[in-house]
Amino acid sequence: MKKYIILALLAISTMSVFAQVADSTKRKVYLQGAANFRDVGGYKTTDGRQVKWGKIYRSADLSKLTDADLVQLKSRKIAYDVDLRGKQEAQDAPDKLNPGMDYILCPAGSDSVSTIVRDLAAGKSGDSIMTAFYGSTRYFADRYKPFFGKLLELPEDKSLVFHCTAGKDRTGIGSALFLYTLGVPYNTIVEDYLASNYYRQSESAKSNIAMIATLHLNEKQAKSVTGVEKKYLDATFDAIKKQYGSVDNFLKNQIGLTDKDIAALKAKYLQ
């Protein structure tokens, strides 16, 4: 009996691995000029539904897209671009867009991101810097309210991409709030967040080398800033709950989502 139980568990485990590989293959969008570009679809909700594929994408910097990349965006019907970078970031590296794309910059609080490098150079712990960044809710409403506005107005036959520079922090929080609104369980939200470590392996390795050389950081310090960790996203959700009582209260009172809005988001992005 034990033998059959072990074989059954192995079979289930193998199927799970194959499913994850297939899901990752379907999720990643291969572009020459952008990293961490992936579909946010496919995640299961607590009520058994699934986030639609091919509607919402998340990414890093879009300033280096090639003509072939733009063709792929067009083929995916990506017509909305929500830029979560600061004004200076966007000015220094403007997004490359297809003609007629709906573009919006949501810079609230992002121009202070440069202080992360300053604090690292001053010898502060990378972990403490990132936890403090994620735990500060000061700019969340101003940054993400326009994002949800675009999600609500997105036409049925169009798709949307949202991004920052690395596609992991400001974008990671935005993705987490979006998935939470749809009813995706927190452990799955964390998986989506942590996936940046996989999709940004090459870029993070290069950044680590540069930060170690220029700021004289050790490898652990560099990785704490160029990668993502569960405790960072936990800091965001803990801070929201502490300040607003619950994530639902935050979405309702700060982002301005009504019950009707949430129902509309679920109708639009779940199947």
Protein backbone atom coordinates (compact mmCIF):
# COMPACT_ATOMS: atom_id res chain seq x y z
CA MET A 1 0.00 0.00 0.00
CA LYS A 2 2.82 2.39 0.93
CA LYS A 3 4.44 1.69 -2.43
CA TYR A 4 1.31 2.74 -4.32
CA ILE A 5 0.90 5.85 -2.18
CA ILE A 6 4.50 6.88 -2.90
CA LEU A 7 4.04 6.25 -6.63
CA ALA A 8 0.84 8.29 -6.62
CA LEU A 9 2.55 11.17 -4.83
CA LEU A 10 5.44 11.04 -7.29
CA ALA A 11 3.00 11.13 -10.19
CA ILE A 12 1.21 14.16 -8.72
CA SER A 13 4.54 15.88 -8.08
CA THR A 14 5.69 15.22 -11.64
CA MET A 15 2.44 16.56 -13.06
CA SER A 16 2.84 19.67 -10.89
CA VAL A 17 6.37 20.28 -12.20
CA PHE A 18 5.23 19.87 -15.82
CA ALA A 19 2.31 22.24 -15.14
CA GLN A 20 4.66 24.86 -13.68
CA VAL A 21 7.03 24.59 -16.65
CA ALA A 22 4.15 24.90 -19.11
CA ASP A 23 2.72 27.83 -17.17
CA SER A 24 6.09 29.63 -17.13
CA THR A 25 6.51 29.06 -20.85
CA LYS A 26 3.07 30.51 -21.51
CA ARG A 27 3.58 33.40 -19.10
CA LYS A 28 6.92 34.76 -20.33
CA VAL A 29 6.92 37.09 -23.32
CA TYR A 30 10.28 36.99 -25.12
CA LEU A 31 11.29 40.49 -26.15
CA GLN A 32 14.68 41.74 -27.27
CA GLY A 33 14.41 45.09 -25.55
CA ALA A 34 12.61 44.39 -22.27
CA ALA A 35 13.11 42.07 -19.31
CA ASN A 36 10.61 40.55 -16.90
CA PHE A 37 7.79 40.96 -19.43
CA ARG A 38 5.09 38.42 -18.57
CA ASP A 39 1.40 37.66 -18.65
CA VAL A 40 -0.44 38.02 -15.35
CA GLY A 41 -3.11 35.57 -16.48
CA GLY A 42 -3.70 32.00 -15.43
CA TYR A 43 -3.80 32.42 -11.67
CA LYS A 44 -6.62 30.67 -9.81
CA THR A 45 -8.92 32.59 -7.47
CA THR A 46 -10.35 31.40 -4.17
CA ASP A 47 -13.72 30.76 -5.81
CA GLY A 48 -12.26 28.53 -8.54
CA ARG A 49 -12.13 31.00 -11.40
CA GLN A 50 -9.00 31.98 -13.34
CA VAL A 51 -7.42 35.26 -14.38
CA LYS A 52 -7.74 35.64 -18.15
CA TRP A 53 -4.65 35.15 -20.26
CA GLY A 54 -3.59 37.82 -22.72
CA LYS A 55 -5.21 40.81 -21.02
CA ILE A 56 -2.77 42.22 -18.46
CA TYR A 57 1.03 42.15 -18.69
CA ARG A 58 3.75 43.35 -16.34
CA SER A 59 7.27 44.37 -17.33
CA ALA A 60 10.46 46.25 -16.65
CA ASP A 61 11.66 49.32 -18.58
CA LEU A 62 10.16 49.65 -22.07
CA SER A 63 12.54 52.25 -23.47
CA LYS A 64 14.61 49.78 -25.48
CA LEU A 65 11.90 47.91 -27.37
CA THR A 66 12.86 46.96 -30.92
CA ASP A 67 10.63 47.22 -33.96
CA ALA A 68 10.07 43.47 -33.70
CA ASP A 69 9.07 43.90 -30.05
CA LEU A 70 6.53 46.56 -30.98
CA VAL A 71 5.07 44.22 -33.59
CA GLN A 72 4.63 41.59 -30.89
CA LEU A 73 2.93 44.09 -28.58
CA LYS A 74 0.57 44.98 -31.39
CA SER A 75 -0.16 41.31 -32.10
CA ARG A 76 -1.09 40.90 -28.43
CA LYS A 77 -3.38 43.93 -28.71
CA ILE A 78 -1.43 45.80 -26.03
CA ALA A 79 -2.80 49.30 -26.45
CA TYR A 80 -2.55 50.66 -22.88
CA ASP A 81 0.72 51.44 -21.08
CA VAL A 82 0.78 52.34 -17.37
CA ASP A 83 4.23 53.66 -16.41
CA LEU A 84 4.93 53.55 -12.65
CA ARG A 85 8.31 55.24 -12.87
CA GLY A 86 9.20 58.71 -11.65
CA LYS A 87 9.21 61.77 -13.89
CA GLN A 88 13.00 61.80 -14.20
CA GLU A 89 13.17 58.07 -14.95
CA ALA A 90 10.58 58.43 -17.68
CA GLN A 91 12.30 61.51 -19.11
CA ASP A 92 15.71 59.82 -19.19
CA ALA A 93 14.38 56.63 -20.80
CA PRO A 94 10.99 57.27 -22.46
CA ASP A 95 8.87 54.27 -23.38
CA LYS A 96 8.87 53.16 -27.01
CA LEU A 97 5.25 52.86 -28.03
CA ASN A 98 3.19 51.87 -31.01
CA PRO A 99 1.27 54.76 -32.59
CA GLY A 100 -1.99 55.48 -30.81
CA MET A 101 -1.16 53.67 -27.58
CA ASP A 102 -2.82 55.04 -24.46
CA TYR A 103 0.04 56.08 -22.15
CA ILE A 104 -0.14 57.30 -18.57
CA LEU A 105 2.66 58.12 -16.13
CA CYS A 106 1.96 57.44 -12.44
CA PRO A 107 5.04 58.98 -10.80
CA ALA A 108 3.82 59.47 -7.22
CA GLY A 109 6.70 58.81 -4.84
CA SER A 110 8.93 57.30 -7.49
CA ASP A 111 11.43 60.13 -7.70
CA SER A 112 12.48 59.20 -4.16
CA VAL A 113 13.57 55.73 -5.33
CA SER A 114 17.05 57.12 -6.01
CA THR A 115 17.50 57.42 -2.24
CA ILE A 116 17.86 53.62 -2.13
CA VAL A 117 21.26 53.87 -3.81
CA ARG A 118 22.22 56.79 -1.58
CA ASP A 119 21.29 54.84 1.56
CA LEU A 120 23.26 51.82 0.35
CA ALA A 121 26.29 53.98 -0.27
CA ALA A 122 25.89 55.32 3.25
CA GLY A 123 26.20 51.80 4.62
CA LYS A 124 22.58 51.03 5.48
CA SER A 125 21.34 47.44 5.29
CA GLY A 126 19.76 46.49 1.98
CA ASP A 127 17.09 44.48 3.80
CA SER A 128 16.11 47.40 6.02
CA ILE A 129 16.05 49.82 3.07
CA MET A 130 13.79 47.59 0.99
CA THR A 131 11.50 46.73 3.91
CA ALA A 132 11.10 50.44 4.67
CA PHE A 133 10.36 51.18 1.00
CA TYR A 134 7.69 48.48 0.82
CA GLY A 135 6.24 49.42 4.18
CA SER A 136 5.67 53.08 3.31
CA THR A 137 2.08 53.53 2.12
CA ARG A 138 2.37 57.29 1.66
CA TYR A 139 2.22 57.26 -2.15
CA PHE A 140 0.25 54.09 -2.78
CA ALA A 141 -3.10 55.75 -3.43
CA ASP A 142 -1.74 58.40 -5.82
CA ARG A 143 0.42 55.82 -7.62
CA TYR A 144 -2.09 53.02 -8.07
CA LYS A 145 -5.44 54.80 -8.32
CA PRO A 146 -4.78 55.79 -11.98
CA PHE A 147 -3.64 52.22 -12.66
CA PHE A 148 -6.97 50.82 -11.49
CA GLY A 149 -8.75 53.53 -13.47
CA LYS A 150 -7.12 52.22 -16.65
CA LEU A 151 -7.95 48.63 -15.70
CA LEU A 152 -11.59 49.61 -15.40
CA GLU A 153 -11.73 51.48 -18.71
CA LEU A 154 -9.69 48.99 -20.79
CA PRO A 155 -11.78 47.99 -23.83
CA GLU A 156 -12.76 44.34 -24.17
CA ASP A 157 -10.64 43.87 -27.29
CA LYS A 158 -7.49 45.53 -25.90
CA SER A 159 -4.71 44.58 -23.48
CA LEU A 160 -2.62 46.57 -20.99
CA VAL A 161 0.97 46.53 -19.76
CA PHE A 162 2.17 48.18 -16.56
CA HIS A 163 5.80 48.57 -15.56
CA CYS A 164 8.51 50.42 -13.68
CA THR A 165 12.28 50.22 -14.25
CA ALA A 166 13.09 46.73 -12.98
CA GLY A 167 9.51 45.48 -13.06
CA LYS A 168 9.77 44.02 -9.58
CA ASP A 169 9.03 46.56 -6.82
CA ARG A 170 6.48 49.20 -7.83
CA THR A 171 5.21 46.81 -10.48
CA GLY A 172 5.24 43.95 -7.98
CA ILE A 173 3.03 45.87 -5.56
CA GLY A 174 0.70 46.88 -8.39
CA SER A 175 0.36 43.29 -9.53
CA ALA A 176 -0.27 42.14 -5.96
CA LEU A 177 -3.07 44.66 -5.45
CA PHE A 178 -4.63 43.80 -8.81
CA LEU A 179 -4.59 40.05 -8.13
CA TYR A 180 -5.90 40.58 -4.60
CA THR A 181 -8.82 42.56 -5.99
CA LEU A 182 -9.71 39.61 -8.24
CA GLY A 183 -9.69 37.18 -5.31
CA VAL A 184 -6.37 35.44 -5.96
CA PRO A 185 -5.07 33.92 -2.67
CA TYR A 186 -2.10 35.60 -1.03
CA ASN A 187 0.27 32.65 -1.41
CA THR A 188 -0.31 32.78 -5.19
CA ILE A 189 0.19 36.55 -5.19
CA VAL A 190 3.53 35.99 -3.47
CA GLU A 191 4.49 33.43 -6.14
CA ASP A 192 3.83 35.98 -8.87
CA TYR A 193 5.87 38.54 -6.94
CA LEU A 194 8.83 36.22 -6.31
CA ALA A 195 8.90 35.14 -9.96
CA SER A 196 10.88 38.31 -10.72
CA ASN A 197 13.90 36.52 -9.25
CA TYR A 198 13.56 33.97 -12.06
CA TYR A 199 12.65 36.31 -14.90
CA ARG A 200 15.37 38.82 -13.96
CA GLN A 201 18.25 36.43 -13.33
CA SER A 202 20.53 37.85 -16.01
CA GLU A 203 19.72 41.51 -15.29
CA SER A 204 20.08 41.03 -11.52
CA ALA A 205 23.46 39.34 -11.93
CA LYS A 206 24.75 42.30 -13.96
CA SER A 207 23.35 44.78 -11.44
CA ASN A 208 24.94 42.88 -8.56
CA ILE A 209 28.37 43.07 -10.18
CA ALA A 210 27.96 46.79 -10.85
CA MET A 211 26.78 47.59 -7.31
CA ILE A 212 29.56 45.54 -5.74
CA ALA A 213 32.13 47.36 -7.88
CA THR A 214 30.80 50.93 -7.58
CA LEU A 215 29.29 50.95 -4.08
CA HIS A 216 31.64 48.35 -2.56
CA LEU A 217 28.72 46.25 -1.33
CA ASN A 218 28.97 42.60 -0.45
CA GLU A 219 27.00 40.09 -2.51
CA LYS A 220 24.24 39.71 0.09
CA GLN A 221 23.63 43.46 0.20
CA ALA A 222 23.49 43.69 -3.58
CA LYS A 223 21.06 40.77 -3.89
CA SER A 224 18.75 42.27 -1.28
CA VAL A 225 18.20 45.27 -3.58
CA THR A 226 18.27 43.66 -7.02
CA GLY A 227 16.07 40.73 -6.03
CA VAL A 228 12.74 40.30 -4.26
CA GLU A 229 11.89 38.54 -1.02
CA LYS A 230 8.57 37.54 0.52
CA LYS A 231 9.18 39.72 3.57
CA TYR A 232 9.22 42.81 1.34
CA LEU A 233 5.71 42.21 0.01
CA ASP A 234 4.61 41.15 3.51
CA ALA A 235 5.75 44.59 4.69
CA THR A 236 3.41 46.24 2.18
CA PHE A 237 0.36 44.22 3.16
CA ASP A 238 1.15 44.51 6.89
CA ALA A 239 1.48 48.29 6.59
CA ILE A 240 -1.79 48.59 4.67
CA LYS A 241 -3.64 46.50 7.24
CA LYS A 242 -2.12 48.45 10.12
CA GLN A 243 -2.96 51.84 8.66
CA TYR A 244 -6.33 51.13 7.02
CA GLY A 245 -7.63 48.13 8.95
CA SER A 246 -7.65 45.83 5.94
CA VAL A 247 -6.59 45.67 2.31
CA ASP A 248 -10.27 45.86 1.34
CA ASN A 249 -10.64 49.13 3.27
CA PHE A 250 -7.57 50.50 1.49
CA LEU A 251 -8.93 49.58 -1.94
CA LYS A 252 -12.30 51.09 -1.10
CA ASN A 253 -11.29 54.27 0.72
CA GLN A 254 -7.92 55.12 -0.84
CA ILE A 255 -8.05 53.66 -4.35
CA GLY A 256 -11.76 54.46 -4.56
CA LEU A 257 -13.00 51.06 -5.72
CA THR A 258 -16.68 50.50 -5.08
CA ASP A 259 -18.34 47.10 -4.86
CA LYS A 260 -19.56 47.75 -8.39
CA ASP A 261 -15.98 48.48 -9.54
CA ILE A 262 -14.64 45.27 -8.01
CA ALA A 263 -17.47 43.29 -9.61
CA ALA A 264 -16.62 44.93 -12.94
CA LEU A 265 -12.93 44.04 -12.60
CA LYS A 266 -13.82 40.43 -11.85
CA ALA A 267 -16.21 40.28 -14.78
CA LYS A 268 -13.59 41.78 -17.09
CA TYR A 269 -10.54 39.80 -16.01
CA LEU A 270 -11.79 36.45 -14.73
CA GLN A 271 -13.17 33.46 -16.55
